[in-house]
Amino acid sequence: MIVAAMSIFMPYQIAWINDPSPLKLGDKSRRTGWTWCEAYDAVSSRWRRTNNVRRDYWFSSADESAGVEFIDYCRFWAETLFNQVANVVTEQYLDPDTKRFATALVIKCPNGHKIVAMTSNPRRFRSKGGDVCLDEFAFHDDPRAMYDAAAPVTQWGGRIRIFSTPNGEGSFYN
């Protein structure tokens, strides 16, 4: 963690960033900076990785605009912390089941790791490995299927982060 960067975070954000747990759950309210501090952590931990173990980062939120915002935050942190321009590549994938194209925004780190923001589709997590973040988890179309697909991504030492604003007592998130 970079001390100068920490001075701009709230105490609860610092606690979130510093928590090394393999599974983190966060109950949030809107516009409180969870995505902002998660982007910091994603960039900081990817840029600093020196071992050969590939640890990509997979971000999914309940809507595409949140993914765009997350990648913009990652770009900011790459430039602020490491003085490097983070080029964002847009990738399109044909979903074989729906025959529709899905979009992913990808930042390729200098050391080969990737940060990917993708659609809220459980099939997008198949055959992936690394860390996962499910933002606004309670508002995904099928949160149970998202979790079931995302959890195996972390099987070989990855971490999963789930945070959301509430969406009723009967929701899978609750």
C-alpha atoms as a PDB file:
ATOM      1  CA  MET A   1       0.000   0.000   0.000  1.00  0.00           C
ATOM      2  CA  ILE A   2       1.233   3.478  -0.808  1.00  0.00           C
ATOM      3  CA  VAL A   3       0.944   5.756   2.222  1.00  0.00           C
ATOM      4  CA  ALA A   4       0.225   8.925   0.201  1.00  0.00           C
ATOM      5  CA  ALA A   5      -2.650   7.200  -1.577  1.00  0.00           C
ATOM      6  CA  MET A   6      -4.071   5.996   1.732  1.00  0.00           C
ATOM      7  CA  SER A   7      -4.578   9.566   2.936  1.00  0.00           C
ATOM      8  CA  ILE A   8      -7.431  10.020   0.446  1.00  0.00           C
ATOM      9  CA  PHE A   9      -9.390   6.975   1.616  1.00  0.00           C
ATOM     10  CA  MET A  10     -11.922   6.764   4.407  1.00  0.00           C
ATOM     11  CA  PRO A  11     -11.132   4.407   7.323  1.00  0.00           C
ATOM     12  CA  TYR A  12     -13.662   1.792   6.138  1.00  0.00           C
ATOM     13  CA  GLN A  13     -12.061   1.856   2.675  1.00  0.00           C
ATOM     14  CA  ILE A  14      -8.581   1.355   4.143  1.00  0.00           C
ATOM     15  CA  ALA A  15      -9.911  -1.573   6.187  1.00  0.00           C
ATOM     16  CA  TRP A  16     -11.407  -3.104   3.007  1.00  0.00           C
ATOM     17  CA  ILE A  17      -8.171  -2.695   1.042  1.00  0.00           C
ATOM     18  CA  ASN A  18      -6.035  -4.113   3.863  1.00  0.00           C
ATOM     19  CA  ASP A  19      -8.242  -7.151   4.517  1.00  0.00           C
ATOM     20  CA  PRO A  20      -6.452 -10.176   2.969  1.00  0.00           C
ATOM     21  CA  SER A  21      -9.407 -12.570   3.411  1.00  0.00           C
ATOM     22  CA  PRO A  22     -10.072 -14.910   0.492  1.00  0.00           C
ATOM     23  CA  LEU A  23     -13.781 -13.997   0.658  1.00  0.00           C
ATOM     24  CA  LYS A  24     -14.859 -10.451   1.510  1.00  0.00           C
ATOM     25  CA  LEU A  25     -18.466  -9.298   1.770  1.00  0.00           C
ATOM     26  CA  GLY A  26     -19.416  -5.647   2.020  1.00  0.00           C
ATOM     27  CA  ASP A  27     -22.791  -4.057   2.610  1.00  0.00           C
ATOM     28  CA  LYS A  28     -22.693  -0.560   1.177  1.00  0.00           C
ATOM     29  CA  SER A  29     -24.812   2.392   0.235  1.00  0.00           C
ATOM     30  CA  ARG A  30     -24.667   4.229  -3.052  1.00  0.00           C
ATOM     31  CA  ARG A  31     -21.739   6.496  -4.006  1.00  0.00           C
ATOM     32  CA  THR A  32     -19.627   5.665  -0.957  1.00  0.00           C
ATOM     33  CA  GLY A  33     -16.443   4.803  -2.847  1.00  0.00           C
ATOM     34  CA  TRP A  34     -16.400   1.008  -2.681  1.00  0.00           C
ATOM     35  CA  THR A  35     -15.709   0.673  -6.395  1.00  0.00           C
ATOM     36  CA  TRP A  36     -13.083   3.432  -6.163  1.00  0.00           C
ATOM     37  CA  CYS A  37     -11.092   1.665  -3.445  1.00  0.00           C
ATOM     38  CA  GLU A  38     -11.573  -1.744  -5.095  1.00  0.00           C
ATOM     39  CA  ALA A  39     -10.101  -0.310  -8.315  1.00  0.00           C
ATOM     40  CA  TYR A  40      -7.115   0.915  -6.285  1.00  0.00           C
ATOM     41  CA  ASP A  41      -6.604  -2.559  -4.859  1.00  0.00           C
ATOM     42  CA  ALA A  42      -6.988  -4.259  -8.254  1.00  0.00           C
ATOM     43  CA  VAL A  43      -4.417  -1.991  -9.897  1.00  0.00           C
ATOM     44  CA  SER A  44      -1.992  -1.927  -6.976  1.00  0.00           C
ATOM     45  CA  SER A  45      -1.933  -5.687  -6.561  1.00  0.00           C
ATOM     46  CA  ARG A  46      -1.671  -6.372 -10.323  1.00  0.00           C
ATOM     47  CA  TRP A  47       1.096  -3.871 -11.082  1.00  0.00           C
ATOM     48  CA  ARG A  48       3.164  -5.012  -8.085  1.00  0.00           C
ATOM     49  CA  ARG A  49       2.968  -8.764  -8.742  1.00  0.00           C
ATOM     50  CA  THR A  50       6.405 -10.128  -9.402  1.00  0.00           C
ATOM     51  CA  ASN A  51       5.862 -13.881  -9.306  1.00  0.00           C
ATOM     52  CA  ASN A  52       4.966 -15.915 -12.358  1.00  0.00           C
ATOM     53  CA  VAL A  53       1.570 -16.975 -11.049  1.00  0.00           C
ATOM     54  CA  ARG A  54      -1.057 -15.406 -13.271  1.00  0.00           C
ATOM     55  CA  ARG A  55      -3.648 -13.589 -11.180  1.00  0.00           C
ATOM     56  CA  ASP A  56      -6.045 -11.789 -13.475  1.00  0.00           C
ATOM     57  CA  TYR A  57      -8.876  -9.708 -12.019  1.00  0.00           C
ATOM     58  CA  TRP A  58     -12.487 -10.191 -13.118  1.00  0.00           C
ATOM     59  CA  PHE A  59     -15.011  -7.444 -12.298  1.00  0.00           C
ATOM     60  CA  SER A  60     -18.729  -7.719 -12.921  1.00  0.00           C
ATOM     61  CA  SER A  61     -21.486  -5.352 -11.910  1.00  0.00           C
ATOM     62  CA  ALA A  62     -25.211  -5.319 -12.433  1.00  0.00           C
ATOM     63  CA  ASP A  63     -24.967  -2.876 -15.349  1.00  0.00           C
ATOM     64  CA  GLU A  64     -22.434  -2.030 -18.030  1.00  0.00           C
ATOM     65  CA  SER A  65     -21.963   1.588 -16.952  1.00  0.00           C
ATOM     66  CA  ALA A  66     -20.538   0.431 -13.602  1.00  0.00           C
ATOM     67  CA  GLY A  67     -17.938  -1.629 -15.471  1.00  0.00           C
ATOM     68  CA  VAL A  68     -16.949   1.424 -17.509  1.00  0.00           C
ATOM     69  CA  GLU A  69     -16.654   3.464 -14.310  1.00  0.00           C
ATOM     70  CA  PHE A  70     -14.525   0.762 -12.665  1.00  0.00           C
ATOM     71  CA  ILE A  71     -12.112   0.661 -15.620  1.00  0.00           C
ATOM     72  CA  ASP A  72     -11.891   4.475 -15.588  1.00  0.00           C
ATOM     73  CA  TYR A  73     -10.942   4.303 -11.908  1.00  0.00           C
ATOM     74  CA  CYS A  74      -8.331   1.635 -12.704  1.00  0.00           C
ATOM     75  CA  ARG A  75      -6.891   3.854 -15.410  1.00  0.00           C
ATOM     76  CA  PHE A  76      -6.671   6.727 -12.917  1.00  0.00           C
ATOM     77  CA  TRP A  77      -4.855   4.558 -10.357  1.00  0.00           C
ATOM     78  CA  ALA A  78      -2.389   3.167 -12.917  1.00  0.00           C
ATOM     79  CA  GLU A  79      -1.464   6.694 -13.947  1.00  0.00           C
ATOM     80  CA  THR A  80      -1.407   8.076 -10.388  1.00  0.00           C
ATOM     81  CA  LEU A  81       0.447   5.238  -8.650  1.00  0.00           C
ATOM     82  CA  PHE A  82       2.749   3.981 -11.377  1.00  0.00           C
ATOM     83  CA  ASN A  83       2.950   6.874 -13.811  1.00  0.00           C
ATOM     84  CA  GLN A  84       1.871   4.571 -16.621  1.00  0.00           C
ATOM     85  CA  VAL A  85      -0.849   4.979 -19.177  1.00  0.00           C
ATOM     86  CA  ALA A  86      -3.332   2.132 -18.870  1.00  0.00           C
ATOM     87  CA  ASN A  87      -4.595   1.311 -22.328  1.00  0.00           C
ATOM     88  CA  VAL A  88      -8.109  -0.059 -22.345  1.00  0.00           C
ATOM     89  CA  VAL A  89      -9.014  -2.610 -24.978  1.00  0.00           C
ATOM     90  CA  THR A  90     -12.618  -3.437 -25.795  1.00  0.00           C
ATOM     91  CA  GLU A  91     -13.137  -7.110 -26.512  1.00  0.00           C
ATOM     92  CA  GLN A  92     -16.277  -8.635 -27.929  1.00  0.00           C
ATOM     93  CA  TYR A  93     -17.234 -12.247 -27.344  1.00  0.00           C
ATOM     94  CA  LEU A  94     -19.960 -14.201 -29.050  1.00  0.00           C
ATOM     95  CA  ASP A  95     -22.006 -16.030 -26.444  1.00  0.00           C
ATOM     96  CA  PRO A  96     -22.574 -19.485 -27.944  1.00  0.00           C
ATOM     97  CA  ASP A  97     -25.823 -19.993 -26.017  1.00  0.00           C
ATOM     98  CA  THR A  98     -27.549 -16.689 -26.769  1.00  0.00           C
ATOM     99  CA  LYS A  99     -25.751 -15.909 -30.064  1.00  0.00           C
ATOM    100  CA  ARG A 100     -25.332 -12.334 -28.795  1.00  0.00           C
ATOM    101  CA  PHE A 101     -22.124 -10.387 -28.447  1.00  0.00           C
ATOM    102  CA  ALA A 102     -20.888  -9.473 -24.993  1.00  0.00           C
ATOM    103  CA  THR A 103     -18.425  -6.682 -24.337  1.00  0.00           C
ATOM    104  CA  ALA A 104     -15.495  -6.714 -21.938  1.00  0.00           C
ATOM    105  CA  LEU A 105     -13.155  -3.829 -21.124  1.00  0.00           C
ATOM    106  CA  VAL A 106      -9.587  -4.990 -20.539  1.00  0.00           C
ATOM    107  CA  ILE A 107      -6.492  -3.321 -19.107  1.00  0.00           C
ATOM    108  CA  LYS A 108      -3.324  -5.279 -19.775  1.00  0.00           C
ATOM    109  CA  CYS A 109      -0.723  -4.637 -17.095  1.00  0.00           C
ATOM    110  CA  PRO A 110       2.981  -4.350 -17.977  1.00  0.00           C
ATOM    111  CA  ASN A 111       3.706  -7.681 -16.241  1.00  0.00           C
ATOM    112  CA  GLY A 112       1.072  -9.593 -18.245  1.00  0.00           C
ATOM    113  CA  HIS A 113      -1.779  -9.599 -15.742  1.00  0.00           C
ATOM    114  CA  LYS A 114      -5.189  -8.332 -16.843  1.00  0.00           C
ATOM    115  CA  ILE A 115      -8.002  -6.388 -15.249  1.00  0.00           C
ATOM    116  CA  VAL A 116     -11.295  -7.190 -16.963  1.00  0.00           C
ATOM    117  CA  ALA A 117     -14.711  -5.591 -16.502  1.00  0.00           C
ATOM    118  CA  MET A 118     -17.408  -7.718 -18.070  1.00  0.00           C
ATOM    119  CA  THR A 119     -21.106  -8.211 -18.310  1.00  0.00           C
ATOM    120  CA  SER A 120     -23.303  -9.712 -15.643  1.00  0.00           C
ATOM    121  CA  ASN A 121     -23.478 -13.109 -17.290  1.00  0.00           C
ATOM    122  CA  PRO A 122     -22.454 -16.212 -15.336  1.00  0.00           C
ATOM    123  CA  ARG A 123     -21.071 -17.893 -18.467  1.00  0.00           C
ATOM    124  CA  ARG A 124     -18.387 -15.197 -18.723  1.00  0.00           C
ATOM    125  CA  PHE A 125     -16.625 -16.689 -15.703  1.00  0.00           C
ATOM    126  CA  ARG A 126     -16.157 -20.127 -17.254  1.00  0.00           C
ATOM    127  CA  SER A 127     -12.503 -21.141 -17.706  1.00  0.00           C
ATOM    128  CA  LYS A 128     -11.165 -18.056 -15.905  1.00  0.00           C
ATOM    129  CA  GLY A 129      -8.742 -17.879 -13.000  1.00  0.00           C
ATOM    130  CA  GLY A 130      -7.697 -15.188 -10.552  1.00  0.00           C
ATOM    131  CA  ASP A 131      -9.549 -12.697  -8.373  1.00  0.00           C
ATOM    132  CA  VAL A 132     -13.230 -11.811  -8.729  1.00  0.00           C
ATOM    133  CA  CYS A 133     -15.311  -8.811  -7.729  1.00  0.00           C
ATOM    134  CA  LEU A 134     -19.102  -8.894  -7.911  1.00  0.00           C
ATOM    135  CA  ASP A 135     -20.275  -5.301  -7.530  1.00  0.00           C
ATOM    136  CA  GLU A 136     -23.919  -4.517  -6.763  1.00  0.00           C
ATOM    137  CA  PHE A 137     -24.332  -8.235  -6.295  1.00  0.00           C
ATOM    138  CA  ALA A 138     -27.929  -8.037  -5.078  1.00  0.00           C
ATOM    139  CA  PHE A 139     -28.935  -6.446  -8.393  1.00  0.00           C
ATOM    140  CA  HIS A 140     -27.467  -9.009 -10.803  1.00  0.00           C
ATOM    141  CA  ASP A 141     -30.159 -10.761 -12.838  1.00  0.00           C
ATOM    142  CA  ASP A 142     -29.291 -14.112 -11.255  1.00  0.00           C
ATOM    143  CA  PRO A 143     -26.952 -13.560  -8.288  1.00  0.00           C
ATOM    144  CA  ARG A 144     -26.929 -17.229  -7.268  1.00  0.00           C
ATOM    145  CA  ALA A 145     -25.769 -18.288 -10.749  1.00  0.00           C
ATOM    146  CA  MET A 146     -23.179 -15.483 -10.740  1.00  0.00           C
ATOM    147  CA  TYR A 147     -21.730 -16.709  -7.452  1.00  0.00           C
ATOM    148  CA  ASP A 148     -21.786 -20.354  -8.545  1.00  0.00           C
ATOM    149  CA  ALA A 149     -19.869 -19.441 -11.711  1.00  0.00           C
ATOM    150  CA  ALA A 150     -17.475 -16.943 -10.105  1.00  0.00           C
ATOM    151  CA  ALA A 151     -16.385 -18.906  -7.010  1.00  0.00           C
ATOM    152  CA  PRO A 152     -14.359 -21.557  -8.929  1.00  0.00           C
ATOM    153  CA  VAL A 153     -12.361 -18.751 -10.602  1.00  0.00           C
ATOM    154  CA  THR A 154     -10.616 -18.272  -7.255  1.00  0.00           C
ATOM    155  CA  GLN A 155      -9.866 -21.968  -6.677  1.00  0.00           C
ATOM    156  CA  TRP A 156      -6.074 -21.673  -7.009  1.00  0.00           C
ATOM    157  CA  GLY A 157      -5.443 -18.903  -4.514  1.00  0.00           C
ATOM    158  CA  GLY A 158      -7.658 -16.164  -5.908  1.00  0.00           C
ATOM    159  CA  ARG A 159      -9.887 -13.947  -3.828  1.00  0.00           C
ATOM    160  CA  ILE A 160     -13.530 -13.057  -4.240  1.00  0.00           C
ATOM    161  CA  ARG A 161     -15.076  -9.758  -3.200  1.00  0.00           C
ATOM    162  CA  ILE A 162     -18.797  -9.225  -3.089  1.00  0.00           C
ATOM    163  CA  PHE A 163     -20.403  -5.943  -2.196  1.00  0.00           C
ATOM    164  CA  SER A 164     -23.763  -4.382  -2.830  1.00  0.00           C
ATOM    165  CA  THR A 165     -26.461  -2.074  -1.688  1.00  0.00           C
ATOM    166  CA  PRO A 166     -29.333  -4.072  -0.193  1.00  0.00           C
ATOM    167  CA  ASN A 167     -32.174  -5.347  -2.366  1.00  0.00           C
ATOM    168  CA  GLY A 168     -34.683  -6.768   0.070  1.00  0.00           C
ATOM    169  CA  GLU A 169     -34.627  -9.327   2.846  1.00  0.00           C
ATOM    170  CA  GLY A 170     -35.435 -12.246   0.563  1.00  0.00           C
ATOM    171  CA  SER A 171     -32.571 -11.665  -1.854  1.00  0.00           C
ATOM    172  CA  PHE A 172     -29.746 -14.186  -2.263  1.00  0.00           C
ATOM    173  CA  TYR A 173     -27.289 -11.429  -1.296  1.00  0.00           C
ATOM    174  CA  ASN A 174     -29.061 -10.845   2.012  1.00  0.00           C
END
